[in-house]
Amino acid sequence: MKNVSINWKDRIIPVIFIIISLFFLTLFLVLPLAAVFMEAFRKGVESYCASFKDPYAWSSIRLTLLTAAIAVPMNVVFGVVAAWCIAKFEFWGKNILITLIDLPFAVSPVIAGLIFVLAFGRQTTLGGWLIDHDIKIIFAVPGIVLATVFVTFPFVARELIPLMQEQGTSEEEAAVSLGANGWDIFWKITLPNIKWGLLYGVILCNARAMGEFGAVSVVSGHIRGETNTMPLYIETLHNGYDAVGAFSIATLLAALALVTLIAKTVVEWKVKRERMIDHS
């Protein structure tokens, strides 16, 4: 009887955990996602398509894509260099650098935006000089890019640091002993070993860059047609009681989330598959 009771518990507990997990996923992920698409098409396909005829909508889409196109490559360069230095070398201030990389995770995005306003605003010496020379940072595209870079730069580095530390330096040291230079070592050894981790970090970085709201909201000025990204434009439409328009634009961000999820799953599958092949 005791063994039957243990077996029953071993079977029912995982089932309970699965049911709880599915309940939370449905409540906090599936239902809100379904609600976005239902509200977007509530007045029909014509109303949905009409939301994208507004030039302000296309301006917000272009600005979002432009911001991501600038911020993501910058974070890739920083992330690879920072991870390579931290994982492959020992130097003074290494722990400080690791702490600074995690800073955007600890600082509210709104505070991050305020930092850039304080740094480049008209009331500062630097901000005043920039304005006198007709260089706009705050309430312009450069400020949006800077804010986006700040809130997204940990993603690539944080994916690569543990991966490179796990791989160690044996392959690079062997290449050096054979006479390879640093550039060849990076392109032929380091980069192939981190390609999936790098792609994973890029996917997460891109998703955050396109969906960032807090920091961008502070530095953008909410200028329609100029500094409104998709999240800001959705807020503008919602505040203007254009629910269909707001949810229609939101479907693009929701689609981005789904694409990100699929890409993330594919990358994870590729990594597991390569590890299985290596172990076999």
C-alpha atoms as a PDB file:
ATOM      1  CA  MET A   1       0.000   0.000   0.000  1.00  0.00           C
ATOM      2  CA  LYS A   2       2.834   2.357   0.801  1.00  0.00           C
ATOM      3  CA  ASN A   3       4.457   1.844  -2.595  1.00  0.00           C
ATOM      4  CA  VAL A   4       1.143   2.454  -4.387  1.00  0.00           C
ATOM      5  CA  SER A   5       0.712   5.716  -2.458  1.00  0.00           C
ATOM      6  CA  ILE A   6       4.210   6.898  -3.422  1.00  0.00           C
ATOM      7  CA  ASN A   7       3.649   6.052  -7.072  1.00  0.00           C
ATOM      8  CA  TRP A   8       0.337   7.907  -7.035  1.00  0.00           C
ATOM      9  CA  LYS A   9       2.003  10.998  -5.599  1.00  0.00           C
ATOM     10  CA  ASP A  10       4.848  10.806  -8.093  1.00  0.00           C
ATOM     11  CA  ARG A  11       2.335  10.867 -10.918  1.00  0.00           C
ATOM     12  CA  ILE A  12      -0.140  13.445  -9.643  1.00  0.00           C
ATOM     13  CA  ILE A  13       2.353  16.113  -8.513  1.00  0.00           C
ATOM     14  CA  PRO A  14       3.866  16.701 -11.998  1.00  0.00           C
ATOM     15  CA  VAL A  15       0.325  16.824 -13.440  1.00  0.00           C
ATOM     16  CA  ILE A  16      -0.670  19.478 -10.887  1.00  0.00           C
ATOM     17  CA  PHE A  17       2.420  21.563 -11.687  1.00  0.00           C
ATOM     18  CA  ILE A  18       1.720  21.308 -15.423  1.00  0.00           C
ATOM     19  CA  ILE A  19      -1.891  22.408 -14.920  1.00  0.00           C
ATOM     20  CA  ILE A  20      -0.795  25.374 -12.794  1.00  0.00           C
ATOM     21  CA  SER A  21       1.822  26.388 -15.383  1.00  0.00           C
ATOM     22  CA  LEU A  22      -0.679  26.157 -18.239  1.00  0.00           C
ATOM     23  CA  PHE A  23      -3.201  28.168 -16.228  1.00  0.00           C
ATOM     24  CA  PHE A  24      -0.744  31.008 -15.651  1.00  0.00           C
ATOM     25  CA  LEU A  25       0.436  30.923 -19.279  1.00  0.00           C
ATOM     26  CA  THR A  26      -3.151  31.109 -20.486  1.00  0.00           C
ATOM     27  CA  LEU A  27      -4.104  33.862 -18.050  1.00  0.00           C
ATOM     28  CA  PHE A  28      -1.078  36.118 -18.505  1.00  0.00           C
ATOM     29  CA  LEU A  29       0.069  35.329 -22.052  1.00  0.00           C
ATOM     30  CA  VAL A  30      -2.490  33.644 -24.311  1.00  0.00           C
ATOM     31  CA  LEU A  31      -5.581  35.619 -23.260  1.00  0.00           C
ATOM     32  CA  PRO A  32      -3.909  39.083 -23.454  1.00  0.00           C
ATOM     33  CA  LEU A  33      -2.402  38.175 -26.822  1.00  0.00           C
ATOM     34  CA  ALA A  34      -5.757  36.978 -28.120  1.00  0.00           C
ATOM     35  CA  ALA A  35      -7.411  40.142 -26.776  1.00  0.00           C
ATOM     36  CA  VAL A  36      -4.980  42.333 -28.759  1.00  0.00           C
ATOM     37  CA  PHE A  37      -5.926  40.686 -32.045  1.00  0.00           C
ATOM     38  CA  MET A  38      -9.653  40.576 -31.194  1.00  0.00           C
ATOM     39  CA  GLU A  39      -9.733  44.292 -30.405  1.00  0.00           C
ATOM     40  CA  ALA A  40      -7.712  45.106 -33.534  1.00  0.00           C
ATOM     41  CA  PHE A  41     -10.245  43.330 -35.765  1.00  0.00           C
ATOM     42  CA  ARG A  42     -13.299  44.286 -33.705  1.00  0.00           C
ATOM     43  CA  LYS A  43     -14.597  46.659 -36.398  1.00  0.00           C
ATOM     44  CA  GLY A  44     -13.550  44.499 -39.293  1.00  0.00           C
ATOM     45  CA  VAL A  45     -10.597  44.060 -41.601  1.00  0.00           C
ATOM     46  CA  GLU A  46     -11.195  47.406 -43.331  1.00  0.00           C
ATOM     47  CA  SER A  47     -10.846  49.343 -40.084  1.00  0.00           C
ATOM     48  CA  TYR A  48      -7.743  47.336 -39.264  1.00  0.00           C
ATOM     49  CA  CYS A  49      -6.129  48.118 -42.621  1.00  0.00           C
ATOM     50  CA  ALA A  50      -7.202  51.770 -42.375  1.00  0.00           C
ATOM     51  CA  SER A  51      -5.090  52.136 -39.233  1.00  0.00           C
ATOM     52  CA  PHE A  52      -1.968  51.621 -41.341  1.00  0.00           C
ATOM     53  CA  LYS A  53      -2.913  54.277 -43.888  1.00  0.00           C
ATOM     54  CA  ASP A  54      -2.064  57.002 -41.399  1.00  0.00           C
ATOM     55  CA  PRO A  55       1.372  58.467 -42.284  1.00  0.00           C
ATOM     56  CA  TYR A  56       2.099  58.829 -38.573  1.00  0.00           C
ATOM     57  CA  ALA A  57       1.756  55.056 -38.199  1.00  0.00           C
ATOM     58  CA  TRP A  58       4.342  54.390 -40.905  1.00  0.00           C
ATOM     59  CA  SER A  59       6.592  57.048 -39.422  1.00  0.00           C
ATOM     60  CA  SER A  60       6.519  55.253 -36.063  1.00  0.00           C
ATOM     61  CA  ILE A  61       7.241  51.916 -37.751  1.00  0.00           C
ATOM     62  CA  ARG A  62      10.186  53.352 -39.694  1.00  0.00           C
ATOM     63  CA  LEU A  63      11.616  55.008 -36.588  1.00  0.00           C
ATOM     64  CA  THR A  64      11.308  51.777 -34.602  1.00  0.00           C
ATOM     65  CA  LEU A  65      13.102  49.808 -37.315  1.00  0.00           C
ATOM     66  CA  LEU A  66      15.772  52.500 -37.673  1.00  0.00           C
ATOM     67  CA  THR A  67      16.400  52.576 -33.923  1.00  0.00           C
ATOM     68  CA  ALA A  68      16.737  48.802 -33.767  1.00  0.00           C
ATOM     69  CA  ALA A  69      18.968  48.780 -36.876  1.00  0.00           C
ATOM     70  CA  ILE A  70      21.400  51.150 -35.123  1.00  0.00           C
ATOM     71  CA  ALA A  71      21.148  49.939 -31.522  1.00  0.00           C
ATOM     72  CA  VAL A  72      21.432  46.196 -32.137  1.00  0.00           C
ATOM     73  CA  PRO A  73      24.723  46.261 -34.139  1.00  0.00           C
ATOM     74  CA  MET A  74      26.233  48.627 -31.562  1.00  0.00           C
ATOM     75  CA  ASN A  75      25.280  46.225 -28.792  1.00  0.00           C
ATOM     76  CA  VAL A  76      26.640  43.283 -30.780  1.00  0.00           C
ATOM     77  CA  VAL A  77      30.040  44.954 -31.068  1.00  0.00           C
ATOM     78  CA  PHE A  78      30.059  45.959 -27.398  1.00  0.00           C
ATOM     79  CA  GLY A  79      28.747  42.596 -26.218  1.00  0.00           C
ATOM     80  CA  VAL A  80      31.295  40.538 -28.155  1.00  0.00           C
ATOM     81  CA  VAL A  81      34.227  42.742 -27.112  1.00  0.00           C
ATOM     82  CA  ALA A  82      33.138  42.901 -23.463  1.00  0.00           C
ATOM     83  CA  ALA A  83      32.484  39.158 -23.244  1.00  0.00           C
ATOM     84  CA  TRP A  84      35.789  38.348 -24.944  1.00  0.00           C
ATOM     85  CA  CYS A  85      37.729  40.558 -22.528  1.00  0.00           C
ATOM     86  CA  ILE A  86      35.929  39.242 -19.439  1.00  0.00           C
ATOM     87  CA  ALA A  87      36.057  35.552 -20.390  1.00  0.00           C
ATOM     88  CA  LYS A  88      39.489  35.337 -21.960  1.00  0.00           C
ATOM     89  CA  PHE A  89      41.620  37.798 -19.951  1.00  0.00           C
ATOM     90  CA  GLU A  90      42.362  38.802 -16.380  1.00  0.00           C
ATOM     91  CA  PHE A  91      42.670  42.550 -15.692  1.00  0.00           C
ATOM     92  CA  TRP A  92      42.104  45.118 -12.980  1.00  0.00           C
ATOM     93  CA  GLY A  93      38.502  46.312 -12.835  1.00  0.00           C
ATOM     94  CA  LYS A  94      37.028  43.142 -14.324  1.00  0.00           C
ATOM     95  CA  ASN A  95      34.383  42.821 -11.597  1.00  0.00           C
ATOM     96  CA  ILE A  96      33.515  46.499 -11.982  1.00  0.00           C
ATOM     97  CA  LEU A  97      32.946  46.005 -15.713  1.00  0.00           C
ATOM     98  CA  ILE A  98      30.661  43.012 -15.047  1.00  0.00           C
ATOM     99  CA  THR A  99      28.685  45.099 -12.549  1.00  0.00           C
ATOM    100  CA  LEU A 100      28.335  47.990 -14.994  1.00  0.00           C
ATOM    101  CA  ILE A 101      27.051  45.629 -17.691  1.00  0.00           C
ATOM    102  CA  ASP A 102      24.208  44.652 -15.335  1.00  0.00           C
ATOM    103  CA  LEU A 103      23.394  48.295 -14.535  1.00  0.00           C
ATOM    104  CA  PRO A 104      20.461  48.653 -16.996  1.00  0.00           C
ATOM    105  CA  PHE A 105      18.786  45.665 -15.313  1.00  0.00           C
ATOM    106  CA  ALA A 106      18.909  47.487 -11.972  1.00  0.00           C
ATOM    107  CA  VAL A 107      17.986  50.996 -13.165  1.00  0.00           C
ATOM    108  CA  SER A 108      14.426  51.856 -14.146  1.00  0.00           C
ATOM    109  CA  PRO A 109      14.158  52.707 -17.873  1.00  0.00           C
ATOM    110  CA  VAL A 110      12.491  55.996 -16.931  1.00  0.00           C
ATOM    111  CA  ILE A 111      15.488  56.905 -14.776  1.00  0.00           C
ATOM    112  CA  ALA A 112      17.765  55.981 -17.679  1.00  0.00           C
ATOM    113  CA  GLY A 113      15.855  58.404 -19.894  1.00  0.00           C
ATOM    114  CA  LEU A 114      16.121  61.137 -17.279  1.00  0.00           C
ATOM    115  CA  ILE A 115      19.887  60.599 -17.124  1.00  0.00           C
ATOM    116  CA  PHE A 116      20.160  61.461 -20.827  1.00  0.00           C
ATOM    117  CA  VAL A 117      17.878  64.480 -20.378  1.00  0.00           C
ATOM    118  CA  LEU A 118      20.108  65.726 -17.563  1.00  0.00           C
ATOM    119  CA  ALA A 119      23.253  65.039 -19.602  1.00  0.00           C
ATOM    120  CA  PHE A 120      22.168  66.555 -22.918  1.00  0.00           C
ATOM    121  CA  GLY A 121      19.395  68.956 -21.883  1.00  0.00           C
ATOM    122  CA  ARG A 122      19.488  72.683 -22.575  1.00  0.00           C
ATOM    123  CA  GLN A 123      20.290  73.464 -18.945  1.00  0.00           C
ATOM    124  CA  THR A 124      23.666  71.673 -19.087  1.00  0.00           C
ATOM    125  CA  THR A 125      26.890  73.033 -20.556  1.00  0.00           C
ATOM    126  CA  LEU A 126      27.166  70.177 -23.034  1.00  0.00           C
ATOM    127  CA  GLY A 127      23.491  70.406 -23.977  1.00  0.00           C
ATOM    128  CA  GLY A 128      23.680  74.141 -24.469  1.00  0.00           C
ATOM    129  CA  TRP A 129      26.753  73.772 -26.692  1.00  0.00           C
ATOM    130  CA  LEU A 130      25.015  71.110 -28.795  1.00  0.00           C
ATOM    131  CA  ILE A 131      21.925  73.265 -29.239  1.00  0.00           C
ATOM    132  CA  ASP A 132      24.053  76.295 -30.193  1.00  0.00           C
ATOM    133  CA  HIS A 133      25.630  74.166 -32.927  1.00  0.00           C
ATOM    134  CA  ASP A 134      22.225  72.871 -34.066  1.00  0.00           C
ATOM    135  CA  ILE A 135      22.899  69.327 -32.849  1.00  0.00           C
ATOM    136  CA  LYS A 136      19.771  67.747 -31.395  1.00  0.00           C
ATOM    137  CA  ILE A 137      20.080  64.819 -28.991  1.00  0.00           C
ATOM    138  CA  ILE A 138      17.093  65.081 -26.667  1.00  0.00           C
ATOM    139  CA  PHE A 139      13.641  65.060 -28.308  1.00  0.00           C
ATOM    140  CA  ALA A 140      15.260  63.752 -31.488  1.00  0.00           C
ATOM    141  CA  VAL A 141      16.312  60.446 -33.039  1.00  0.00           C
ATOM    142  CA  PRO A 142      19.855  60.401 -31.501  1.00  0.00           C
ATOM    143  CA  GLY A 143      18.384  60.559 -28.004  1.00  0.00           C
ATOM    144  CA  ILE A 144      16.019  57.683 -28.780  1.00  0.00           C
ATOM    145  CA  VAL A 145      18.914  55.603 -30.096  1.00  0.00           C
ATOM    146  CA  LEU A 146      21.092  56.373 -27.061  1.00  0.00           C
ATOM    147  CA  ALA A 147      18.300  55.458 -24.641  1.00  0.00           C
ATOM    148  CA  THR A 148      17.619  52.233 -26.533  1.00  0.00           C
ATOM    149  CA  VAL A 149      21.297  51.289 -26.594  1.00  0.00           C
ATOM    150  CA  PHE A 150      21.524  51.838 -22.832  1.00  0.00           C
ATOM    151  CA  VAL A 151      18.575  49.616 -21.895  1.00  0.00           C
ATOM    152  CA  THR A 152      19.562  46.828 -24.312  1.00  0.00           C
ATOM    153  CA  PHE A 153      23.352  46.567 -24.109  1.00  0.00           C
ATOM    154  CA  PRO A 154      23.444  43.811 -21.417  1.00  0.00           C
ATOM    155  CA  PHE A 155      21.591  41.247 -23.537  1.00  0.00           C
ATOM    156  CA  VAL A 156      24.353  40.207 -25.938  1.00  0.00           C
ATOM    157  CA  ALA A 157      27.141  40.438 -23.365  1.00  0.00           C
ATOM    158  CA  ARG A 158      25.201  38.469 -20.763  1.00  0.00           C
ATOM    159  CA  GLU A 159      24.538  35.650 -23.228  1.00  0.00           C
ATOM    160  CA  LEU A 160      28.162  35.413 -24.318  1.00  0.00           C
ATOM    161  CA  ILE A 161      30.064  35.796 -21.025  1.00  0.00           C
ATOM    162  CA  PRO A 162      29.059  32.446 -19.434  1.00  0.00           C
ATOM    163  CA  LEU A 163      29.320  30.703 -22.814  1.00  0.00           C
ATOM    164  CA  MET A 164      32.884  31.910 -23.383  1.00  0.00           C
ATOM    165  CA  GLN A 165      33.857  31.156 -19.791  1.00  0.00           C
ATOM    166  CA  GLU A 166      32.574  27.597 -20.177  1.00  0.00           C
ATOM    167  CA  GLN A 167      34.550  27.122 -23.405  1.00  0.00           C
ATOM    168  CA  GLY A 168      37.778  28.316 -21.793  1.00  0.00           C
ATOM    169  CA  THR A 169      40.898  29.425 -23.657  1.00  0.00           C
ATOM    170  CA  SER A 170      42.492  26.123 -24.676  1.00  0.00           C
ATOM    171  CA  GLU A 171      41.595  26.417 -28.378  1.00  0.00           C
ATOM    172  CA  GLU A 172      42.814  30.009 -28.610  1.00  0.00           C
ATOM    173  CA  GLU A 173      46.061  29.129 -26.829  1.00  0.00           C
ATOM    174  CA  ALA A 174      46.603  26.224 -29.227  1.00  0.00           C
ATOM    175  CA  ALA A 175      46.047  28.562 -32.186  1.00  0.00           C
ATOM    176  CA  VAL A 176      48.568  31.055 -30.774  1.00  0.00           C
ATOM    177  CA  SER A 177      51.139  28.301 -30.364  1.00  0.00           C
ATOM    178  CA  LEU A 178      50.663  27.465 -34.058  1.00  0.00           C
ATOM    179  CA  GLY A 179      51.313  31.077 -35.054  1.00  0.00           C
ATOM    180  CA  ALA A 180      47.776  32.380 -35.651  1.00  0.00           C
ATOM    181  CA  ASN A 181      47.196  36.098 -35.106  1.00  0.00           C
ATOM    182  CA  GLY A 182      44.429  37.579 -32.998  1.00  0.00           C
ATOM    183  CA  TRP A 183      42.144  38.408 -35.915  1.00  0.00           C
ATOM    184  CA  ASP A 184      42.314  34.876 -37.334  1.00  0.00           C
ATOM    185  CA  ILE A 185      41.719  33.401 -33.888  1.00  0.00           C
ATOM    186  CA  PHE A 186      38.590  35.478 -33.434  1.00  0.00           C
ATOM    187  CA  TRP A 187      37.067  34.740 -36.874  1.00  0.00           C
ATOM    188  CA  LYS A 188      38.010  31.064 -37.147  1.00  0.00           C
ATOM    189  CA  ILE A 189      37.784  29.873 -33.533  1.00  0.00           C
ATOM    190  CA  THR A 190      36.016  32.262 -31.163  1.00  0.00           C
ATOM    191  CA  LEU A 191      33.163  33.414 -33.412  1.00  0.00           C
ATOM    192  CA  PRO A 192      32.128  29.929 -34.668  1.00  0.00           C
ATOM    193  CA  ASN A 193      32.046  28.708 -31.062  1.00  0.00           C
ATOM    194  CA  ILE A 194      29.717  31.508 -29.931  1.00  0.00           C
ATOM    195  CA  LYS A 195      27.520  31.864 -33.034  1.00  0.00           C
ATOM    196  CA  TRP A 196      24.344  30.457 -31.479  1.00  0.00           C
ATOM    197  CA  GLY A 197      24.759  32.336 -28.214  1.00  0.00           C
ATOM    198  CA  LEU A 198      25.409  35.507 -30.201  1.00  0.00           C
ATOM    199  CA  LEU A 199      22.279  34.964 -32.305  1.00  0.00           C
ATOM    200  CA  TYR A 200      20.264  34.308 -29.143  1.00  0.00           C
ATOM    201  CA  GLY A 201      21.462  37.575 -27.630  1.00  0.00           C
ATOM    202  CA  VAL A 202      20.720  39.484 -30.851  1.00  0.00           C
ATOM    203  CA  ILE A 203      17.149  38.131 -30.886  1.00  0.00           C
ATOM    204  CA  LEU A 204      16.497  39.257 -27.313  1.00  0.00           C
ATOM    205  CA  CYS A 205      18.228  42.598 -27.875  1.00  0.00           C
ATOM    206  CA  ASN A 206      16.186  43.315 -31.004  1.00  0.00           C
ATOM    207  CA  ALA A 207      12.902  42.446 -29.311  1.00  0.00           C
ATOM    208  CA  ARG A 208      13.656  44.770 -26.386  1.00  0.00           C
ATOM    209  CA  ALA A 209      14.850  47.555 -28.698  1.00  0.00           C
ATOM    210  CA  MET A 210      11.602  47.538 -30.688  1.00  0.00           C
ATOM    211  CA  GLY A 211       9.399  47.275 -27.621  1.00  0.00           C
ATOM    212  CA  GLU A 212      11.173  49.745 -25.310  1.00  0.00           C
ATOM    213  CA  PHE A 213       8.835  52.364 -23.857  1.00  0.00           C
ATOM    214  CA  GLY A 214      10.036  53.941 -20.596  1.00  0.00           C
ATOM    215  CA  ALA A 215      13.431  55.387 -21.507  1.00  0.00           C
ATOM    216  CA  VAL A 216      12.350  56.318 -25.042  1.00  0.00           C
ATOM    217  CA  SER A 217       9.221  58.033 -23.726  1.00  0.00           C
ATOM    218  CA  VAL A 218      11.315  60.405 -21.599  1.00  0.00           C
ATOM    219  CA  VAL A 219      13.782  61.448 -24.312  1.00  0.00           C
ATOM    220  CA  SER A 220      11.453  61.464 -27.339  1.00  0.00           C
ATOM    221  CA  GLY A 221       9.151  64.397 -26.634  1.00  0.00           C
ATOM    222  CA  HIS A 222       6.255  62.471 -28.253  1.00  0.00           C
ATOM    223  CA  ILE A 223       6.459  64.442 -31.491  1.00  0.00           C
ATOM    224  CA  ARG A 224       4.100  62.833 -33.983  1.00  0.00           C
ATOM    225  CA  GLY A 225       5.766  61.904 -37.221  1.00  0.00           C
ATOM    226  CA  GLU A 226       9.241  62.587 -35.817  1.00  0.00           C
ATOM    227  CA  THR A 227      10.013  60.943 -32.472  1.00  0.00           C
ATOM    228  CA  ASN A 228       7.147  58.509 -31.886  1.00  0.00           C
ATOM    229  CA  THR A 229       8.196  54.875 -31.992  1.00  0.00           C
ATOM    230  CA  MET A 230       5.532  52.167 -32.212  1.00  0.00           C
ATOM    231  CA  PRO A 231       5.060  51.808 -28.425  1.00  0.00           C
ATOM    232  CA  LEU A 232       4.755  55.590 -28.052  1.00  0.00           C
ATOM    233  CA  TYR A 233       2.382  55.839 -31.011  1.00  0.00           C
ATOM    234  CA  ILE A 234       0.202  53.122 -29.484  1.00  0.00           C
ATOM    235  CA  GLU A 235      -0.001  55.156 -26.274  1.00  0.00           C
ATOM    236  CA  THR A 236      -0.902  58.280 -28.277  1.00  0.00           C
ATOM    237  CA  LEU A 237      -3.711  56.461 -30.085  1.00  0.00           C
ATOM    238  CA  HIS A 238      -4.989  54.947 -26.846  1.00  0.00           C
ATOM    239  CA  ASN A 239      -5.011  58.342 -25.123  1.00  0.00           C
ATOM    240  CA  GLY A 240      -6.932  59.673 -28.132  1.00  0.00           C
ATOM    241  CA  TYR A 241      -9.590  56.954 -27.671  1.00  0.00           C
ATOM    242  CA  ASP A 242      -8.641  55.260 -30.942  1.00  0.00           C
ATOM    243  CA  ALA A 243      -8.705  51.741 -29.540  1.00  0.00           C
ATOM    244  CA  VAL A 244      -8.821  49.985 -32.906  1.00  0.00           C
ATOM    245  CA  GLY A 245      -5.819  51.945 -34.179  1.00  0.00           C
ATOM    246  CA  ALA A 246      -3.854  51.322 -30.991  1.00  0.00           C
ATOM    247  CA  PHE A 247      -4.517  47.589 -31.025  1.00  0.00           C
ATOM    248  CA  SER A 248      -3.842  47.385 -34.766  1.00  0.00           C
ATOM    249  CA  ILE A 249      -0.335  48.784 -34.317  1.00  0.00           C
ATOM    250  CA  ALA A 250       0.044  46.597 -31.227  1.00  0.00           C
ATOM    251  CA  THR A 251      -0.499  43.506 -33.392  1.00  0.00           C
ATOM    252  CA  LEU A 252       2.831  44.290 -35.079  1.00  0.00           C
ATOM    253  CA  LEU A 253       4.619  44.213 -31.739  1.00  0.00           C
ATOM    254  CA  ALA A 254       2.701  41.066 -30.805  1.00  0.00           C
ATOM    255  CA  ALA A 255       3.759  39.474 -34.095  1.00  0.00           C
ATOM    256  CA  LEU A 256       7.337  40.493 -33.307  1.00  0.00           C
ATOM    257  CA  ALA A 257       7.027  38.744 -29.947  1.00  0.00           C
ATOM    258  CA  LEU A 258       5.801  35.565 -31.638  1.00  0.00           C
ATOM    259  CA  VAL A 259       8.588  35.675 -34.224  1.00  0.00           C
ATOM    260  CA  THR A 260      11.106  36.245 -31.418  1.00  0.00           C
ATOM    261  CA  LEU A 261       9.696  33.278 -29.520  1.00  0.00           C
ATOM    262  CA  ILE A 262       9.923  31.041 -32.585  1.00  0.00           C
ATOM    263  CA  ALA A 263      13.468  32.203 -33.380  1.00  0.00           C
ATOM    264  CA  LYS A 264      14.486  31.699 -29.745  1.00  0.00           C
ATOM    265  CA  THR A 265      13.075  28.161 -29.794  1.00  0.00           C
ATOM    266  CA  VAL A 266      14.887  27.326 -33.035  1.00  0.00           C
ATOM    267  CA  VAL A 267      18.193  28.596 -31.657  1.00  0.00           C
ATOM    268  CA  GLU A 268      17.763  26.595 -28.450  1.00  0.00           C
ATOM    269  CA  TRP A 269      16.983  23.487 -30.510  1.00  0.00           C
ATOM    270  CA  LYS A 270      20.074  24.048 -32.666  1.00  0.00           C
ATOM    271  CA  VAL A 271      22.265  24.431 -29.573  1.00  0.00           C
ATOM    272  CA  LYS A 272      20.928  21.239 -27.987  1.00  0.00           C
ATOM    273  CA  ARG A 273      21.335  19.362 -31.267  1.00  0.00           C
ATOM    274  CA  GLU A 274      24.949  20.457 -31.670  1.00  0.00           C
ATOM    275  CA  ARG A 275      25.721  19.509 -28.066  1.00  0.00           C
ATOM    276  CA  MET A 276      24.199  16.053 -28.596  1.00  0.00           C
ATOM    277  CA  ILE A 277      26.307  15.609 -31.712  1.00  0.00           C
ATOM    278  CA  ASP A 278      29.453  16.717 -29.886  1.00  0.00           C
ATOM    279  CA  HIS A 279      28.815  14.334 -26.994  1.00  0.00           C
ATOM    280  CA  SER A 280      28.090  11.435 -29.326  1.00  0.00           C
END
